Amino acid sequence: MAISINLPDELANQVRQHENDLPEILTLGLREWHARQEPGFAGLSGVLETLATLPAPEEVLALRPTPLVQGRIDDLLEKNRTGGLTPEEQREWNQFQFVEHLVRLAKARALVKLRGA
């Protein structure tokens, strides 16, 4: 399908430089755009995208939450201790736990690779 869009000159020049990669760029951009709209995955898509690239073991072991994500995790932990979470916050917490589980698995496998090397 052909799509025509009007872009500012500066952006059009950047797009021309990556014309052959536009389908992949748009796919990644749309994935990030949609992830920003999901409150539980806000800030976590970068971690998931990094894992999807199959990084070196050292890169996996260096993964840490951004300060913004860590702050939200801390807020949810405190709220859970003091008064409980709303259903929406519980869903968000469950998503954080799921991503943390994936990162722990990746880090465990990275450590095994490094020890075997």
C-alpha atoms as a PDB file:
ATOM      1  CA  MET A   1       0.000   0.000   0.000  1.00  0.00           C
ATOM      2  CA  ALA A   2       1.310   3.458  -0.863  1.00  0.00           C
ATOM      3  CA  ILE A   3       0.989   6.274   1.661  1.00  0.00           C
ATOM      4  CA  SER A   4       1.889   9.909   1.038  1.00  0.00           C
ATOM      5  CA  ILE A   5       2.732  12.302   3.861  1.00  0.00           C
ATOM      6  CA  ASN A   6       4.021  15.857   4.120  1.00  0.00           C
ATOM      7  CA  LEU A   7       7.074  16.242   6.343  1.00  0.00           C
ATOM      8  CA  PRO A   8       9.164  19.220   7.426  1.00  0.00           C
ATOM      9  CA  ASP A   9      12.297  19.498   5.263  1.00  0.00           C
ATOM     10  CA  GLU A  10      14.681  18.488   8.061  1.00  0.00           C
ATOM     11  CA  LEU A  11      12.725  15.320   8.831  1.00  0.00           C
ATOM     12  CA  ALA A  12      12.290  14.532   5.122  1.00  0.00           C
ATOM     13  CA  ASN A  13      16.071  14.633   4.705  1.00  0.00           C
ATOM     14  CA  GLN A  14      16.517  12.202   7.582  1.00  0.00           C
ATOM     15  CA  VAL A  15      13.857   9.898   6.164  1.00  0.00           C
ATOM     16  CA  ARG A  16      15.542   9.869   2.737  1.00  0.00           C
ATOM     17  CA  GLN A  17      18.767   8.636   4.350  1.00  0.00           C
ATOM     18  CA  HIS A  18      16.923   5.586   5.724  1.00  0.00           C
ATOM     19  CA  GLU A  19      14.427   5.011   2.937  1.00  0.00           C
ATOM     20  CA  ASN A  20      15.157   1.286   2.642  1.00  0.00           C
ATOM     21  CA  ASP A  21      14.668   0.800   6.389  1.00  0.00           C
ATOM     22  CA  LEU A  22      11.355   2.677   6.663  1.00  0.00           C
ATOM     23  CA  PRO A  23       9.146  -0.386   7.222  1.00  0.00           C
ATOM     24  CA  GLU A  24      11.296  -1.487  10.176  1.00  0.00           C
ATOM     25  CA  ILE A  25      11.608   2.065  11.525  1.00  0.00           C
ATOM     26  CA  LEU A  26       7.846   2.558  11.368  1.00  0.00           C
ATOM     27  CA  THR A  27       7.201  -0.815  13.000  1.00  0.00           C
ATOM     28  CA  LEU A  28       9.542  -0.012  15.893  1.00  0.00           C
ATOM     29  CA  GLY A  29       8.164   3.501  16.189  1.00  0.00           C
ATOM     30  CA  LEU A  30       4.565   2.320  16.270  1.00  0.00           C
ATOM     31  CA  ARG A  31       5.410  -0.333  18.842  1.00  0.00           C
ATOM     32  CA  GLU A  32       6.994   2.317  21.064  1.00  0.00           C
ATOM     33  CA  TRP A  33       4.077   4.689  20.476  1.00  0.00           C
ATOM     34  CA  HIS A  34       1.553   2.053  21.531  1.00  0.00           C
ATOM     35  CA  ALA A  35       3.660   1.059  24.540  1.00  0.00           C
ATOM     36  CA  ARG A  36       3.637   4.666  25.757  1.00  0.00           C
ATOM     37  CA  GLN A  37      -0.135   4.533  25.838  1.00  0.00           C
ATOM     38  CA  GLU A  38      -0.138   1.442  28.081  1.00  0.00           C
ATOM     39  CA  PRO A  39       0.495   2.710  31.592  1.00  0.00           C
ATOM     40  CA  GLY A  40       2.023  -0.519  32.829  1.00  0.00           C
ATOM     41  CA  PHE A  41       4.606  -0.702  30.089  1.00  0.00           C
ATOM     42  CA  ALA A  42       5.484   2.986  30.041  1.00  0.00           C
ATOM     43  CA  GLY A  43       9.257   3.129  30.241  1.00  0.00           C
ATOM     44  CA  LEU A  44       9.647  -0.632  29.968  1.00  0.00           C
ATOM     45  CA  SER A  45       9.541  -0.961  26.204  1.00  0.00           C
ATOM     46  CA  GLY A  46      13.218   0.038  26.026  1.00  0.00           C
ATOM     47  CA  VAL A  47      14.178  -2.898  28.243  1.00  0.00           C
ATOM     48  CA  LEU A  48      12.079  -5.285  26.192  1.00  0.00           C
ATOM     49  CA  GLU A  49      13.460  -3.947  22.917  1.00  0.00           C
ATOM     50  CA  THR A  50      17.013  -4.358  24.252  1.00  0.00           C
ATOM     51  CA  LEU A  51      16.349  -7.981  25.179  1.00  0.00           C
ATOM     52  CA  ALA A  52      14.796  -8.576  21.758  1.00  0.00           C
ATOM     53  CA  THR A  53      18.089  -7.610  20.082  1.00  0.00           C
ATOM     54  CA  LEU A  54      19.823 -10.541  21.829  1.00  0.00           C
ATOM     55  CA  PRO A  55      22.523  -8.355  23.406  1.00  0.00           C
ATOM     56  CA  ALA A  56      25.868  -9.514  24.725  1.00  0.00           C
ATOM     57  CA  PRO A  57      25.794 -11.053  28.233  1.00  0.00           C
ATOM     58  CA  GLU A  58      27.512  -7.970  29.686  1.00  0.00           C
ATOM     59  CA  GLU A  59      24.769  -5.728  28.284  1.00  0.00           C
ATOM     60  CA  VAL A  60      22.071  -7.929  29.787  1.00  0.00           C
ATOM     61  CA  LEU A  61      23.727  -7.866  33.202  1.00  0.00           C
ATOM     62  CA  ALA A  62      23.947  -4.051  33.002  1.00  0.00           C
ATOM     63  CA  LEU A  63      20.189  -3.618  32.471  1.00  0.00           C
ATOM     64  CA  ARG A  64      18.594  -1.416  35.122  1.00  0.00           C
ATOM     65  CA  PRO A  65      15.258   0.390  35.321  1.00  0.00           C
ATOM     66  CA  THR A  66      15.287   4.058  34.414  1.00  0.00           C
ATOM     67  CA  PRO A  67      14.927   6.474  37.328  1.00  0.00           C
ATOM     68  CA  LEU A  68      11.353   7.181  36.205  1.00  0.00           C
ATOM     69  CA  VAL A  69      10.427   3.481  36.185  1.00  0.00           C
ATOM     70  CA  GLN A  70      12.207   2.850  39.491  1.00  0.00           C
ATOM     71  CA  GLY A  71      10.334   5.768  41.016  1.00  0.00           C
ATOM     72  CA  ARG A  72       7.007   4.335  39.882  1.00  0.00           C
ATOM     73  CA  ILE A  73       7.915   0.904  41.250  1.00  0.00           C
ATOM     74  CA  ASP A  74       8.852   2.485  44.587  1.00  0.00           C
ATOM     75  CA  ASP A  75       5.550   4.402  44.630  1.00  0.00           C
ATOM     76  CA  LEU A  76       3.532   1.251  43.987  1.00  0.00           C
ATOM     77  CA  LEU A  77       5.436  -0.697  46.641  1.00  0.00           C
ATOM     78  CA  GLU A  78       4.819   2.013  49.223  1.00  0.00           C
ATOM     79  CA  LYS A  79       1.156   2.337  48.323  1.00  0.00           C
ATOM     80  CA  ASN A  80       0.735  -1.436  48.534  1.00  0.00           C
ATOM     81  CA  ARG A  81       2.299  -1.437  52.023  1.00  0.00           C
ATOM     82  CA  THR A  82       0.226   1.449  53.342  1.00  0.00           C
ATOM     83  CA  GLY A  83      -3.205   1.146  51.801  1.00  0.00           C
ATOM     84  CA  GLY A  84      -3.394  -1.221  48.885  1.00  0.00           C
ATOM     85  CA  LEU A  85      -3.489  -0.803  45.145  1.00  0.00           C
ATOM     86  CA  THR A  86      -6.400   0.078  42.912  1.00  0.00           C
ATOM     87  CA  PRO A  87      -7.265  -2.517  40.242  1.00  0.00           C
ATOM     88  CA  GLU A  88      -5.452  -0.382  37.633  1.00  0.00           C
ATOM     89  CA  GLU A  89      -2.372  -0.094  39.852  1.00  0.00           C
ATOM     90  CA  GLN A  90      -2.478  -3.847  40.490  1.00  0.00           C
ATOM     91  CA  ARG A  91      -2.487  -4.449  36.727  1.00  0.00           C
ATOM     92  CA  GLU A  92       0.469  -2.079  36.375  1.00  0.00           C
ATOM     93  CA  TRP A  93       2.298  -3.859  39.218  1.00  0.00           C
ATOM     94  CA  ASN A  94       1.678  -7.230  37.567  1.00  0.00           C
ATOM     95  CA  GLN A  95       3.210  -5.912  34.342  1.00  0.00           C
ATOM     96  CA  PHE A  96       6.293  -4.664  36.203  1.00  0.00           C
ATOM     97  CA  GLN A  97       6.647  -8.086  37.824  1.00  0.00           C
ATOM     98  CA  PHE A  98       6.347  -9.849  34.468  1.00  0.00           C
ATOM     99  CA  VAL A  99       9.067  -7.705  32.893  1.00  0.00           C
ATOM    100  CA  GLU A 100      11.267  -8.157  35.962  1.00  0.00           C
ATOM    101  CA  HIS A 101      10.834 -11.919  35.612  1.00  0.00           C
ATOM    102  CA  LEU A 102      11.962 -11.757  31.969  1.00  0.00           C
ATOM    103  CA  VAL A 103      14.982  -9.651  32.878  1.00  0.00           C
ATOM    104  CA  ARG A 104      15.958 -12.047  35.687  1.00  0.00           C
ATOM    105  CA  LEU A 105      15.782 -14.990  33.291  1.00  0.00           C
ATOM    106  CA  ALA A 106      17.900 -13.134  30.761  1.00  0.00           C
ATOM    107  CA  LYS A 107      20.439 -12.168  33.429  1.00  0.00           C
ATOM    108  CA  ALA A 108      20.667 -15.735  34.705  1.00  0.00           C
ATOM    109  CA  ARG A 109      21.350 -17.016  31.195  1.00  0.00           C
ATOM    110  CA  ALA A 110      23.865 -14.227  30.587  1.00  0.00           C
ATOM    111  CA  LEU A 111      25.734 -15.178  33.748  1.00  0.00           C
ATOM    112  CA  VAL A 112      25.831 -18.833  32.673  1.00  0.00           C
ATOM    113  CA  LYS A 113      27.273 -17.770  29.294  1.00  0.00           C
ATOM    114  CA  LEU A 114      29.931 -15.622  30.928  1.00  0.00           C
ATOM    115  CA  ARG A 115      30.966 -18.379  33.337  1.00  0.00           C
ATOM    116  CA  GLY A 116      31.152 -20.873  30.503  1.00  0.00           C
ATOM    117  CA  ALA A 117      33.321 -18.609  28.387  1.00  0.00           C
END
